[in-house]
């Protein structure tokens, strides 16, 4: 039964397909594995400009938002040394004892770099998380409550672009992740050991359309003062990004995405109150 050709050999893409077809058809009906792989590798590299050994995102219609360098001790150390006074003591230009970066085979199977921040505060560790994530690394905090200091796991990362039309909760979660507050994947074990996990996944507030609710999740031994302090930091980072923020309690926030100019306030018809004092 004859087949109907489904490409146009006169178009640029069709000509590229024809190049491959001619090479493959000369092999006969039983394509030898070695010759087939060689032809496909050369066709990908020379005709399409695709590295056959490279990452999958080469063929994506939209390129990644961020691609980190390889997660090596050298790369991570160099990046952290450029973090500035938010991470480093300006009176210690050598940055001695401020952090160490190692590859620990017992910690994460050699596929990441472990960064140790001795005596780091929550805000300092959060800045380090944000700094590494904004460079494209997939970075998580590990057992932050140990007396030996905070540990970060740093892996090579490919961060996808978030479409502008994505739901507000997606943009909120991405913003918090980049600011060092939360991780894309949270499991029960992390909930026990993370100082303040960040928000629970934001959900729509039914009585105020368009607003999102954020509750601060933290281990049982976290004090009310610590949770309130983190809620304040989360509120501040959204305000800096021009989101509207309504404090609903020491550990709860309602937020709304930035409002375009000349648009009515999202709370004008819903009885929104100003931020209540604590």
Protein backbone atom coordinates (compact mmCIF):
# COMPACT_ATOMS: atom_id res chain seq x y z
CA UNK A 1 0.00 0.00 0.00
CA UNK A 2 1.62 3.29 -1.05
CA UNK A 3 2.08 5.98 1.58
CA UNK A 4 1.09 9.62 1.23
CA UNK A 5 4.04 11.95 1.72
CA UNK A 6 3.38 14.27 4.67
CA UNK A 7 6.16 16.82 4.24
CA UNK A 8 7.04 19.38 1.60
CA UNK A 9 10.56 18.66 0.24
CA UNK A 10 10.70 22.15 -1.27
CA UNK A 11 10.46 23.88 2.11
CA UNK A 12 13.57 24.44 4.30
CA UNK A 13 12.35 21.95 6.91
CA UNK A 14 11.33 19.50 4.22
CA UNK A 15 14.80 19.68 2.67
CA UNK A 16 16.33 18.79 6.03
CA UNK A 17 14.01 15.78 6.31
CA UNK A 18 14.93 14.74 2.78
CA UNK A 19 18.64 14.80 3.65
CA UNK A 20 18.05 12.30 6.46
CA UNK A 21 15.69 10.16 4.41
CA UNK A 22 18.18 9.77 1.54
CA UNK A 23 20.92 8.67 3.93
CA UNK A 24 18.72 6.22 5.78
CA UNK A 25 17.11 4.72 2.69
CA UNK A 26 20.49 3.83 1.21
CA UNK A 27 20.97 1.43 4.13
CA UNK A 28 18.20 -0.81 2.84
CA UNK A 29 15.32 -2.17 4.91
CA UNK A 30 17.42 -3.62 7.74
CA UNK A 31 19.18 -0.59 9.19
CA UNK A 32 22.49 -1.53 10.87
CA UNK A 33 22.66 -0.03 14.34
CA UNK A 34 26.12 1.54 14.10
CA UNK A 35 25.52 3.21 10.74
CA UNK A 36 22.07 4.40 11.82
CA UNK A 37 23.40 6.05 14.99
CA UNK A 38 26.24 7.69 13.06
CA UNK A 39 23.88 9.12 10.43
CA UNK A 40 21.41 10.39 13.05
CA UNK A 41 24.17 11.99 15.15
CA UNK A 42 25.62 13.79 12.14
CA UNK A 43 22.17 14.87 10.94
CA UNK A 44 21.26 16.29 14.36
CA UNK A 45 24.55 18.16 14.70
CA UNK A 46 25.22 19.33 11.14
CA UNK A 47 21.72 19.77 9.72
CA UNK A 48 19.69 20.79 12.79
CA UNK A 49 22.37 22.25 15.05
CA UNK A 50 21.36 19.96 17.93
CA UNK A 51 23.95 18.30 20.15
CA UNK A 52 22.95 14.60 20.24
CA UNK A 53 24.55 14.30 23.68
CA UNK A 54 23.09 17.55 24.96
CA UNK A 55 20.04 18.28 27.12
CA UNK A 56 16.44 17.79 26.02
CA UNK A 57 15.58 21.50 26.33
CA UNK A 58 17.54 22.15 23.10
CA UNK A 59 14.39 21.29 21.15
CA UNK A 60 11.90 23.20 23.31
CA UNK A 61 9.96 25.96 21.57
CA UNK A 62 10.66 28.27 24.54
CA UNK A 63 14.20 28.14 25.93
CA UNK A 64 14.68 27.75 29.70
CA UNK A 65 14.55 30.85 31.88
CA UNK A 66 17.78 29.94 33.70
CA UNK A 67 20.43 27.27 33.26
CA UNK A 68 22.94 26.94 36.06
CA UNK A 69 26.60 26.08 35.60
CA UNK A 70 27.60 22.58 36.66
CA UNK A 71 27.26 22.02 40.39
CA UNK A 72 30.93 21.82 41.30
CA UNK A 73 32.65 23.03 44.44
CA UNK A 74 34.59 25.57 42.38
CA UNK A 75 31.51 27.04 40.67
CA UNK A 76 29.41 27.21 43.83
CA UNK A 77 32.25 28.69 45.89
CA UNK A 78 32.95 31.37 43.28
CA UNK A 79 29.27 32.32 43.17
CA UNK A 80 28.96 32.56 46.96
CA UNK A 81 32.09 34.68 47.21
CA UNK A 82 30.34 37.26 45.01
CA UNK A 83 27.28 37.44 47.26
CA UNK A 84 28.37 40.61 49.06
CA UNK A 85 27.55 41.87 52.57
CA UNK A 86 24.17 40.15 52.77
CA UNK A 87 26.07 36.89 53.16
CA UNK A 88 29.56 37.98 54.20
CA UNK A 89 30.99 39.95 57.08
CA UNK A 90 32.59 43.08 55.55
CA UNK A 91 35.21 42.99 58.32
CA UNK A 92 36.38 39.55 57.17
CA UNK A 93 37.45 40.03 53.54
CA UNK A 94 38.84 36.51 53.42
CA UNK A 95 35.36 35.16 54.33
CA UNK A 96 37.02 32.70 56.67
CA UNK A 97 34.60 30.42 58.53
CA UNK A 98 31.57 31.92 56.75
CA UNK A 99 30.82 28.93 54.56
CA UNK A 100 32.33 25.76 53.18
CA UNK A 101 31.39 23.90 50.01
CA UNK A 102 32.16 20.22 49.54
CA UNK A 103 31.00 17.19 47.56
CA UNK A 104 29.71 14.76 50.16
CA UNK A 105 29.10 11.28 48.75
CA UNK A 106 27.22 10.23 51.88
CA UNK A 107 24.93 13.25 51.77
CA UNK A 108 23.51 13.32 48.25
CA UNK A 109 25.26 10.64 46.19
CA UNK A 110 27.82 13.01 44.67
CA UNK A 111 25.20 14.67 42.47
CA UNK A 112 25.26 17.92 44.42
CA UNK A 113 27.46 20.27 46.40
CA UNK A 114 26.80 20.61 50.13
CA UNK A 115 27.22 24.14 51.48
CA UNK A 116 27.72 24.52 55.24
CA UNK A 117 26.77 27.85 56.82
CA UNK A 118 28.00 27.76 60.43
CA UNK A 119 25.97 29.81 62.91
CA UNK A 120 23.84 31.25 60.11
CA UNK A 121 20.63 33.06 60.93
CA UNK A 122 17.40 32.22 59.12
CA UNK A 123 17.65 35.36 56.99
CA UNK A 124 21.28 34.69 56.05
CA UNK A 125 20.52 31.11 55.04
CA UNK A 126 17.49 32.33 53.10
CA UNK A 127 19.66 34.85 51.24
CA UNK A 128 22.12 32.10 50.32
CA UNK A 129 19.23 29.98 49.02
CA UNK A 130 17.89 32.88 46.98
CA UNK A 131 21.32 33.79 45.64
CA UNK A 132 21.96 30.25 44.41
CA UNK A 133 18.46 29.77 43.01
CA UNK A 134 18.61 33.04 41.10
CA UNK A 135 21.75 31.67 39.42
CA UNK A 136 19.67 28.71 38.23
CA UNK A 137 20.71 26.12 40.81
CA UNK A 138 18.19 23.72 42.31
CA UNK A 139 18.97 24.48 45.95
CA UNK A 140 17.27 23.15 49.08
CA UNK A 141 17.94 23.52 52.77
CA UNK A 142 18.76 20.41 54.78
CA UNK A 143 18.35 19.92 58.57
CA UNK A 144 18.64 23.64 59.41
CA UNK A 145 18.18 23.12 63.14
CA UNK A 146 21.40 21.23 63.82
CA UNK A 147 23.84 22.85 66.22
CA UNK A 148 26.55 22.54 63.59
CA UNK A 149 24.89 25.11 61.33
CA UNK A 150 22.74 25.08 58.25
CA UNK A 151 23.33 22.86 55.23
CA UNK A 152 22.29 23.58 51.66
CA UNK A 153 22.15 21.02 48.86
CA UNK A 154 23.04 22.59 45.51
CA UNK A 155 22.35 20.81 42.22
CA UNK A 156 22.63 21.81 38.59
CA UNK A 157 19.31 23.28 37.53
CA UNK A 158 17.24 24.08 34.47
CA UNK A 159 14.45 26.49 35.40
CA UNK A 160 11.55 26.83 33.01
CA UNK A 161 9.96 30.12 32.07
CA UNK A 162 6.62 30.78 33.76
CA UNK A 163 4.09 32.04 31.19
CA UNK A 164 2.61 35.43 31.93
CA UNK A 165 -0.88 33.91 31.71
CA UNK A 166 -0.08 31.27 34.35
CA UNK A 167 -2.31 31.32 37.47
CA UNK A 168 -1.43 33.83 40.16
CA UNK A 169 -0.58 31.03 42.59
CA UNK A 170 2.07 29.76 40.17
CA UNK A 171 3.70 33.19 40.00
CA UNK A 172 3.49 33.51 43.79
CA UNK A 173 5.13 30.14 44.37
CA UNK A 174 7.90 30.92 41.87
CA UNK A 175 8.53 34.31 43.45
CA UNK A 176 8.81 32.78 46.92
CA UNK A 177 11.12 30.05 45.65
CA UNK A 178 13.46 32.59 44.07
CA UNK A 179 13.48 34.55 47.34
CA UNK A 180 14.61 31.46 49.27
CA UNK A 181 11.37 30.72 51.12
CA UNK A 182 10.13 27.44 49.75
CA UNK A 183 10.96 24.49 47.54
CA UNK A 184 9.08 23.17 44.49
CA UNK A 185 8.75 19.76 46.17
CA UNK A 186 7.94 19.51 49.86
CA UNK A 187 7.71 16.17 51.63
CA UNK A 188 6.65 15.22 55.14
CA UNK A 189 10.22 14.72 56.29
CA UNK A 190 11.20 18.23 55.25
CA UNK A 191 8.18 19.63 57.09
CA UNK A 192 9.64 18.39 60.35
CA UNK A 193 13.14 19.70 59.84
CA UNK A 194 12.84 22.93 57.86
CA UNK A 195 12.92 26.07 59.99
CA UNK A 196 10.12 27.76 58.07
CA UNK A 197 9.11 25.92 54.99
CA UNK A 198 7.54 28.96 53.44
CA UNK A 199 3.90 29.07 52.47
CA UNK A 200 1.61 26.19 51.96
CA UNK A 201 0.59 26.07 48.28
CA UNK A 202 -1.39 29.29 47.77
CA UNK A 203 -5.10 28.73 47.22
CA UNK A 204 -7.79 31.17 46.04
CA UNK A 205 -9.67 33.05 48.73
CA UNK A 206 -13.27 32.40 47.78
CA UNK A 207 -14.72 35.43 49.52
CA UNK A 208 -12.26 37.77 47.77
CA UNK A 209 -11.77 36.73 44.13
CA UNK A 210 -8.25 37.08 42.82
CA UNK A 211 -6.58 37.06 46.23
CA UNK A 212 -4.42 34.22 47.52
CA UNK A 213 -3.99 32.94 51.05
CA UNK A 214 -0.58 32.05 52.52
CA UNK A 215 -0.13 30.23 55.82
CA UNK A 216 3.31 29.92 57.37
CA UNK A 217 4.29 26.27 57.85
CA UNK A 218 6.92 25.50 60.48
CA UNK A 219 8.04 22.70 62.79
CA UNK A 220 6.47 22.42 66.21
CA UNK A 221 9.48 23.83 68.05
CA UNK A 222 9.43 27.07 66.06
CA UNK A 223 8.44 30.00 68.24
CA UNK A 224 5.61 32.38 67.48
CA UNK A 225 8.16 35.18 67.18
CA UNK A 226 10.08 33.26 64.51
CA UNK A 227 6.94 32.52 62.53
CA UNK A 228 5.82 36.13 62.75
CA UNK A 229 9.25 37.30 61.62
CA UNK A 230 9.12 35.02 58.61
CA UNK A 231 5.60 36.16 57.76
CA UNK A 232 6.89 39.74 57.82
CA UNK A 233 9.77 38.81 55.49
CA UNK A 234 7.37 37.10 53.07
CA UNK A 235 5.06 40.13 53.13
CA UNK A 236 7.99 42.46 52.47
CA UNK A 237 9.25 40.47 49.50
CA UNK A 238 5.79 40.57 47.88
CA UNK A 239 5.43 44.30 48.53
CA UNK A 240 8.83 44.88 46.93
CA UNK A 241 7.53 43.05 43.85
CA UNK A 242 4.44 45.35 43.84
CA UNK A 243 1.99 42.71 45.06
CA UNK A 244 -0.76 43.85 47.42
CA UNK A 245 -0.46 42.35 50.88
CA UNK A 246 -3.01 42.14 53.68
CA UNK A 247 -1.79 40.75 57.02
CA UNK A 248 -4.54 38.51 58.39
CA UNK A 249 -2.76 37.33 61.52
CA UNK A 250 0.71 36.59 62.85
CA UNK A 251 1.14 33.65 60.47
CA UNK A 252 -1.30 34.34 57.62
CA UNK A 253 -1.22 36.63 54.61
CA UNK A 254 -3.58 37.46 51.81
CA UNK A 255 -1.87 38.65 48.63
CA UNK A 256 -2.94 39.91 45.23
CA UNK A 257 -0.85 40.19 42.05
CA UNK A 258 0.25 43.61 40.87
CA UNK A 259 -2.68 45.63 39.54
CA UNK A 260 -2.26 47.32 36.12
CA UNK A 261 -2.40 51.08 36.09
CA UNK A 262 -5.89 52.64 35.86
CA UNK A 263 -7.51 49.43 37.14
CA UNK A 264 -9.78 49.51 40.20
CA UNK A 265 -8.34 48.17 43.42
CA UNK A 266 -9.12 44.44 43.77
CA UNK A 267 -10.33 45.01 47.31
CA UNK A 268 -12.46 48.05 46.65
CA UNK A 269 -15.64 45.98 46.27
CA UNK A 270 -14.74 43.24 48.72
CA UNK A 271 -14.42 45.13 51.97
CA UNK A 272 -10.62 44.72 52.25
CA UNK A 273 -9.24 46.20 55.40
CA UNK A 274 -5.90 47.87 55.73
CA UNK A 275 -3.09 45.87 57.25
CA UNK A 276 -4.00 45.28 60.88
CA UNK A 277 -1.41 46.04 63.54
CA UNK A 278 0.17 43.25 65.57
